[in-house]
Amino acid sequence: MSIEDRDLAVELVKGYGYPSEADFDTGKALDAQADVKYFAEALHDIGYLTSDPEEYIAKAFTPVDLTLGK
């Protein structure tokens, strides 16, 4: 999926709750599933994503253990 509406893309990016420096320090900034959920729900709310956001997340997101090999 790509967004060709530049204004929409800018609005979504500006509306996202970016993590603070403290979030990065505590490890709370790395929540990819929450990121996918934010954008899926936002795109669904404006009609750009027609499928159920939860179904989309289940298909589009796969958790990865970044601690493997440490």
PDB file of N, CA and C in Angstrom:
ATOM      1  N   MET A   1       0.847  -1.160   0.000  1.00  0.00           N
ATOM      2  CA  MET A   1       0.000   0.000   0.000  1.00  0.00           C
ATOM      3  C   MET A   1       0.897   1.229   0.000  1.00  0.00           C
ATOM      4  N   SER A   2       0.583   2.176  -0.833  1.00  0.00           N
ATOM      5  CA  SER A   2       1.314   3.435  -0.818  1.00  0.00           C
ATOM      6  C   SER A   2       0.304   4.579  -0.790  1.00  0.00           C
ATOM      7  N   ILE A   3       0.694   5.651  -0.164  1.00  0.00           N
ATOM      8  CA  ILE A   3      -0.165   6.830  -0.085  1.00  0.00           C
ATOM      9  C   ILE A   3       0.340   7.835  -1.101  1.00  0.00           C
ATOM     10  N   GLU A   4      -0.511   8.156  -2.039  1.00  0.00           N
ATOM     11  CA  GLU A   4      -0.118   9.112  -3.064  1.00  0.00           C
ATOM     12  C   GLU A   4      -0.577  10.526  -2.723  1.00  0.00           C
ATOM     13  N   ASP A   5      -1.399  10.644  -1.704  1.00  0.00           N
ATOM     14  CA  ASP A   5      -1.886  11.940  -1.250  1.00  0.00           C
ATOM     15  C   ASP A   5      -0.871  12.502  -0.251  1.00  0.00           C
ATOM     16  N   ARG A   6      -0.039  13.418  -0.717  1.00  0.00           N
ATOM     17  CA  ARG A   6       1.032  13.959   0.122  1.00  0.00           C
ATOM     18  C   ARG A   6       0.497  14.601   1.392  1.00  0.00           C
ATOM     19  N   ASP A   7      -0.583  15.365   1.291  1.00  0.00           N
ATOM     20  CA  ASP A   7      -1.147  16.035   2.462  1.00  0.00           C
ATOM     21  C   ASP A   7      -1.604  15.020   3.510  1.00  0.00           C
ATOM     22  N   LEU A   8      -2.199  13.928   3.060  1.00  0.00           N
ATOM     23  CA  LEU A   8      -2.624  12.877   3.976  1.00  0.00           C
ATOM     24  C   LEU A   8      -1.422  12.252   4.666  1.00  0.00           C
ATOM     25  N   ALA A   9      -0.392  11.963   3.918  1.00  0.00           N
ATOM     26  CA  ALA A   9       0.820  11.366   4.489  1.00  0.00           C
ATOM     27  C   ALA A   9       1.427  12.291   5.540  1.00  0.00           C
ATOM     28  N   VAL A  10       1.485  13.577   5.241  1.00  0.00           N
ATOM     29  CA  VAL A  10       2.038  14.552   6.184  1.00  0.00           C
ATOM     30  C   VAL A  10       1.190  14.591   7.453  1.00  0.00           C
ATOM     31  N   GLU A  11      -0.131  14.585   7.300  1.00  0.00           N
ATOM     32  CA  GLU A  11      -1.030  14.622   8.454  1.00  0.00           C
ATOM     33  C   GLU A  11      -0.841  13.385   9.338  1.00  0.00           C
ATOM     34  N   LEU A  12      -0.721  12.211   8.731  1.00  0.00           N
ATOM     35  CA  LEU A  12      -0.526  10.985   9.506  1.00  0.00           C
ATOM     36  C   LEU A  12       0.792  11.007  10.267  1.00  0.00           C
ATOM     37  N   VAL A  13       1.842  11.443   9.606  1.00  0.00           N
ATOM     38  CA  VAL A  13       3.156  11.471  10.251  1.00  0.00           C
ATOM     39  C   VAL A  13       3.181  12.503  11.378  1.00  0.00           C
ATOM     40  N   LYS A  14       2.589  13.672  11.143  1.00  0.00           N
ATOM     41  CA  LYS A  14       2.566  14.710  12.179  1.00  0.00           C
ATOM     42  C   LYS A  14       1.696  14.304  13.367  1.00  0.00           C
ATOM     43  N   GLY A  15       0.641  13.529  13.116  1.00  0.00           N
ATOM     44  CA  GLY A  15      -0.277  13.135  14.174  1.00  0.00           C
ATOM     45  C   GLY A  15       0.216  11.983  15.029  1.00  0.00           C
ATOM     46  N   TYR A  16       1.279  11.342  14.594  1.00  0.00           N
ATOM     47  CA  TYR A  16       1.803  10.189  15.327  1.00  0.00           C
ATOM     48  C   TYR A  16       2.465  10.639  16.625  1.00  0.00           C
ATOM     49  N   GLY A  17       2.243   9.920  17.696  1.00  0.00           N
ATOM     50  CA  GLY A  17       2.841  10.250  18.997  1.00  0.00           C
ATOM     51  C   GLY A  17       4.251   9.699  19.101  1.00  0.00           C
ATOM     52  N   TYR A  18       5.207  10.467  18.637  1.00  0.00           N
ATOM     53  CA  TYR A  18       6.595  10.006  18.631  1.00  0.00           C
ATOM     54  C   TYR A  18       7.117   9.831  20.049  1.00  0.00           C
ATOM     55  N   PRO A  19       7.938   8.800  20.262  1.00  0.00           N
ATOM     56  CA  PRO A  19       8.483   8.560  21.603  1.00  0.00           C
ATOM     57  C   PRO A  19       9.455   9.658  22.026  1.00  0.00           C
ATOM     58  N   SER A  20       9.502   9.865  23.335  1.00  0.00           N
ATOM     59  CA  SER A  20      10.415  10.864  23.890  1.00  0.00           C
ATOM     60  C   SER A  20      11.789  10.245  24.122  1.00  0.00           C
ATOM     61  N   GLU A  21      12.725  11.077  24.494  1.00  0.00           N
ATOM     62  CA  GLU A  21      14.067  10.583  24.816  1.00  0.00           C
ATOM     63  C   GLU A  21      13.998   9.618  26.005  1.00  0.00           C
ATOM     64  N   ALA A  22      13.125   9.923  26.966  1.00  0.00           N
ATOM     65  CA  ALA A  22      12.957   9.039  28.124  1.00  0.00           C
ATOM     66  C   ALA A  22      12.412   7.679  27.695  1.00  0.00           C
ATOM     67  N   ASP A  23      11.511   7.670  26.715  1.00  0.00           N
ATOM     68  CA  ASP A  23      10.992   6.401  26.203  1.00  0.00           C
ATOM     69  C   ASP A  23      12.114   5.555  25.619  1.00  0.00           C
ATOM     70  N   PHE A  24      13.010   6.187  24.887  1.00  0.00           N
ATOM     71  CA  PHE A  24      14.145   5.456  24.319  1.00  0.00           C
ATOM     72  C   PHE A  24      15.051   4.920  25.426  1.00  0.00           C
ATOM     73  N   ASP A  25      15.255   5.718  26.462  1.00  0.00           N
ATOM     74  CA  ASP A  25      16.121   5.305  27.570  1.00  0.00           C
ATOM     75  C   ASP A  25      15.569   4.099  28.317  1.00  0.00           C
ATOM     76  N   THR A  26      14.241   3.986  28.397  1.00  0.00           N
ATOM     77  CA  THR A  26      13.618   2.882  29.133  1.00  0.00           C
ATOM     78  C   THR A  26      13.224   1.721  28.230  1.00  0.00           C
ATOM     79  N   GLY A  27      13.449   1.857  26.935  1.00  0.00           N
ATOM     80  CA  GLY A  27      13.109   0.786  26.004  1.00  0.00           C
ATOM     81  C   GLY A  27      11.659   0.776  25.568  1.00  0.00           C
ATOM     82  N   LYS A  28      10.891   1.779  25.962  1.00  0.00           N
ATOM     83  CA  LYS A  28       9.472   1.838  25.606  1.00  0.00           C
ATOM     84  C   LYS A  28       9.240   2.376  24.198  1.00  0.00           C
ATOM     85  N   ALA A  29      10.277   2.827  23.545  1.00  0.00           N
ATOM     86  CA  ALA A  29      10.119   3.458  22.237  1.00  0.00           C
ATOM     87  C   ALA A  29      10.011   2.438  21.115  1.00  0.00           C
ATOM     88  N   LEU A  30      10.373   1.204  21.382  1.00  0.00           N
ATOM     89  CA  LEU A  30      10.397   0.197  20.327  1.00  0.00           C
ATOM     90  C   LEU A  30       9.161  -0.686  20.406  1.00  0.00           C
ATOM     91  N   ASP A  31       8.069  -0.234  19.821  1.00  0.00           N
ATOM     92  CA  ASP A  31       6.827  -1.000  19.799  1.00  0.00           C
ATOM     93  C   ASP A  31       6.275  -0.973  18.384  1.00  0.00           C
ATOM     94  N   ALA A  32       6.854  -1.806  17.543  1.00  0.00           N
ATOM     95  CA  ALA A  32       6.483  -1.819  16.126  1.00  0.00           C
ATOM     96  C   ALA A  32       5.018  -2.165  15.929  1.00  0.00           C
ATOM     97  N   GLN A  33       4.484  -3.067  16.750  1.00  0.00           N
ATOM     98  CA  GLN A  33       3.085  -3.446  16.600  1.00  0.00           C
ATOM     99  C   GLN A  33       2.172  -2.252  16.876  1.00  0.00           C
ATOM    100  N   ALA A  34       2.500  -1.444  17.867  1.00  0.00           N
ATOM    101  CA  ALA A  34       1.714  -0.242  18.155  1.00  0.00           C
ATOM    102  C   ALA A  34       1.812   0.747  16.997  1.00  0.00           C
ATOM    103  N   ASP A  35       2.970   0.822  16.362  1.00  0.00           N
ATOM    104  CA  ASP A  35       3.139   1.701  15.203  1.00  0.00           C
ATOM    105  C   ASP A  35       2.238   1.254  14.054  1.00  0.00           C
ATOM    106  N   VAL A  36       2.244  -0.052  13.773  1.00  0.00           N
ATOM    107  CA  VAL A  36       1.397  -0.593  12.702  1.00  0.00           C
ATOM    108  C   VAL A  36      -0.069  -0.338  13.033  1.00  0.00           C
ATOM    109  N   LYS A  37      -0.435  -0.532  14.297  1.00  0.00           N
ATOM    110  CA  LYS A  37      -1.824  -0.324  14.716  1.00  0.00           C
ATOM    111  C   LYS A  37      -2.246   1.134  14.515  1.00  0.00           C
ATOM    112  N   TYR A  38      -1.391   2.074  14.906  1.00  0.00           N
ATOM    113  CA  TYR A  38      -1.716   3.497  14.743  1.00  0.00           C
ATOM    114  C   TYR A  38      -2.044   3.817  13.285  1.00  0.00           C
ATOM    115  N   PHE A  39      -1.152   3.416  12.387  1.00  0.00           N
ATOM    116  CA  PHE A  39      -1.352   3.753  10.983  1.00  0.00           C
ATOM    117  C   PHE A  39      -2.516   2.976  10.371  1.00  0.00           C
ATOM    118  N   ALA A  40      -2.707   1.718  10.748  1.00  0.00           N
ATOM    119  CA  ALA A  40      -3.836   0.939  10.222  1.00  0.00           C
ATOM    120  C   ALA A  40      -5.161   1.561  10.654  1.00  0.00           C
ATOM    121  N   GLU A  41      -5.264   1.931  11.918  1.00  0.00           N
ATOM    122  CA  GLU A  41      -6.501   2.544  12.403  1.00  0.00           C
ATOM    123  C   GLU A  41      -6.733   3.915  11.782  1.00  0.00           C
ATOM    124  N   ALA A  42      -5.678   4.702  11.654  1.00  0.00           N
ATOM    125  CA  ALA A  42      -5.823   6.032  11.051  1.00  0.00           C
ATOM    126  C   ALA A  42      -6.260   5.923   9.597  1.00  0.00           C
ATOM    127  N   LEU A  43      -5.665   5.006   8.863  1.00  0.00           N
ATOM    128  CA  LEU A  43      -6.035   4.822   7.458  1.00  0.00           C
ATOM    129  C   LEU A  43      -7.441   4.244   7.331  1.00  0.00           C
ATOM    130  N   HIS A  44      -7.842   3.402   8.265  1.00  0.00           N
ATOM    131  CA  HIS A  44      -9.199   2.847   8.249  1.00  0.00           C
ATOM    132  C   HIS A  44     -10.221   3.944   8.550  1.00  0.00           C
ATOM    133  N   ASP A  45      -9.912   4.799   9.519  1.00  0.00           N
ATOM    134  CA  ASP A  45     -10.834   5.865   9.918  1.00  0.00           C
ATOM    135  C   ASP A  45     -11.160   6.820   8.775  1.00  0.00           C
ATOM    136  N   ILE A  46     -10.229   7.012   7.865  1.00  0.00           N
ATOM    137  CA  ILE A  46     -10.488   7.926   6.745  1.00  0.00           C
ATOM    138  C   ILE A  46     -10.926   7.188   5.486  1.00  0.00           C
ATOM    139  N   GLY A  47     -11.082   5.858   5.595  1.00  0.00           N
ATOM    140  CA  GLY A  47     -11.579   5.082   4.465  1.00  0.00           C
ATOM    141  C   GLY A  47     -10.522   4.602   3.495  1.00  0.00           C
ATOM    142  N   TYR A  48      -9.258   4.875   3.774  1.00  0.00           N
ATOM    143  CA  TYR A  48      -8.180   4.450   2.870  1.00  0.00           C
ATOM    144  C   TYR A  48      -7.920   2.961   2.988  1.00  0.00           C
ATOM    145  N   LEU A  49      -8.030   2.425   4.203  1.00  0.00           N
ATOM    146  CA  LEU A  49      -7.896   0.993   4.447  1.00  0.00           C
ATOM    147  C   LEU A  49      -9.306   0.463   4.650  1.00  0.00           C
ATOM    148  N   THR A  50      -9.757  -0.387   3.739  1.00  0.00           N
ATOM    149  CA  THR A  50     -11.141  -0.855   3.806  1.00  0.00           C
ATOM    150  C   THR A  50     -11.312  -2.098   4.663  1.00  0.00           C
ATOM    151  N   SER A  51     -10.239  -2.838   4.896  1.00  0.00           N
ATOM    152  CA  SER A  51     -10.349  -4.031   5.737  1.00  0.00           C
ATOM    153  C   SER A  51     -10.318  -3.636   7.212  1.00  0.00           C
ATOM    154  N   ASP A  52     -10.695  -4.575   8.065  1.00  0.00           N
ATOM    155  CA  ASP A  52     -10.661  -4.359   9.505  1.00  0.00           C
ATOM    156  C   ASP A  52      -9.213  -4.139   9.944  1.00  0.00           C
ATOM    157  N   PRO A  53      -8.939  -3.085  10.719  1.00  0.00           N
ATOM    158  CA  PRO A  53      -7.555  -2.821  11.130  1.00  0.00           C
ATOM    159  C   PRO A  53      -6.905  -3.995  11.865  1.00  0.00           C
ATOM    160  N   GLU A  54      -7.660  -4.668  12.729  1.00  0.00           N
ATOM    161  CA  GLU A  54      -7.092  -5.796  13.471  1.00  0.00           C
ATOM    162  C   GLU A  54      -6.723  -6.943  12.533  1.00  0.00           C
ATOM    163  N   GLU A  55      -7.563  -7.201  11.523  1.00  0.00           N
ATOM    164  CA  GLU A  55      -7.245  -8.240  10.538  1.00  0.00           C
ATOM    165  C   GLU A  55      -6.007  -7.845   9.738  1.00  0.00           C
ATOM    166  N   TYR A  56      -5.921  -6.583   9.372  1.00  0.00           N
ATOM    167  CA  TYR A  56      -4.756  -6.099   8.629  1.00  0.00           C
ATOM    168  C   TYR A  56      -3.487  -6.276   9.459  1.00  0.00           C
ATOM    169  N   ILE A  57      -3.557  -5.906  10.732  1.00  0.00           N
ATOM    170  CA  ILE A  57      -2.397  -6.029  11.612  1.00  0.00           C
ATOM    171  C   ILE A  57      -1.973  -7.488  11.727  1.00  0.00           C
ATOM    172  N   ALA A  58      -2.955  -8.378  11.879  1.00  0.00           N
ATOM    173  CA  ALA A  58      -2.646  -9.805  12.010  1.00  0.00           C
ATOM    174  C   ALA A  58      -1.928 -10.336  10.772  1.00  0.00           C
ATOM    175  N   LYS A  59      -2.275  -9.800   9.609  1.00  0.00           N
ATOM    176  CA  LYS A  59      -1.638 -10.248   8.359  1.00  0.00           C
ATOM    177  C   LYS A  59      -0.323  -9.518   8.085  1.00  0.00           C
ATOM    178  N   ALA A  60      -0.226  -8.266   8.494  1.00  0.00           N
ATOM    179  CA  ALA A  60       0.923  -7.436   8.110  1.00  0.00           C
ATOM    180  C   ALA A  60       2.051  -7.426   9.130  1.00  0.00           C
ATOM    181  N   PHE A  61       1.768  -7.847  10.348  1.00  0.00           N
ATOM    182  CA  PHE A  61       2.773  -7.730  11.404  1.00  0.00           C
ATOM    183  C   PHE A  61       3.200  -9.099  11.901  1.00  0.00           C
ATOM    184  N   THR A  62       4.495  -9.297  11.988  1.00  0.00           N
ATOM    185  CA  THR A  62       5.063 -10.513  12.567  1.00  0.00           C
ATOM    186  C   THR A  62       6.091 -10.095  13.608  1.00  0.00           C
ATOM    187  N   PRO A  63       5.882 -10.491  14.860  1.00  0.00           N
ATOM    188  CA  PRO A  63       6.861 -10.130  15.892  1.00  0.00           C
ATOM    189  C   PRO A  63       8.209 -10.803  15.636  1.00  0.00           C
ATOM    190  N   VAL A  64       9.262 -10.095  15.937  1.00  0.00           N
ATOM    191  CA  VAL A  64      10.620 -10.617  15.783  1.00  0.00           C
ATOM    192  C   VAL A  64      11.353 -10.405  17.101  1.00  0.00           C
ATOM    193  N   ASP A  65      11.987 -11.449  17.603  1.00  0.00           N
ATOM    194  CA  ASP A  65      12.746 -11.353  18.847  1.00  0.00           C
ATOM    195  C   ASP A  65      14.127 -10.788  18.536  1.00  0.00           C
ATOM    196  N   LEU A  66      14.341  -9.541  18.913  1.00  0.00           N
ATOM    197  CA  LEU A  66      15.606  -8.874  18.617  1.00  0.00           C
ATOM    198  C   LEU A  66      16.707  -9.248  19.602  1.00  0.00           C
ATOM    199  N   THR A  67      16.367 -10.044  20.614  1.00  0.00           N
ATOM    200  CA  THR A  67      17.377 -10.444  21.592  1.00  0.00           C
ATOM    201  C   THR A  67      18.044 -11.769  21.228  1.00  0.00           C
ATOM    202  N   LEU A  68      17.612 -12.407  20.166  1.00  0.00           N
ATOM    203  CA  LEU A  68      18.222 -13.674  19.761  1.00  0.00           C
ATOM    204  C   LEU A  68      19.694 -13.465  19.445  1.00  0.00           C
ATOM    205  N   GLY A  69      20.506 -14.371  19.908  1.00  0.00           N
ATOM    206  CA  GLY A  69      21.932 -14.287  19.637  1.00  0.00           C
ATOM    207  C   GLY A  69      22.700 -13.416  20.605  1.00  0.00           C
ATOM    208  N   LYS A  70      22.028 -12.855  21.586  1.00  0.00           N
ATOM    209  CA  LYS A  70      22.718 -12.000  22.571  1.00  0.00           C
ATOM    210  C   LYS A  70      23.115 -12.822  23.768  1.00  0.00           C
TER     211      LYS A  70
END
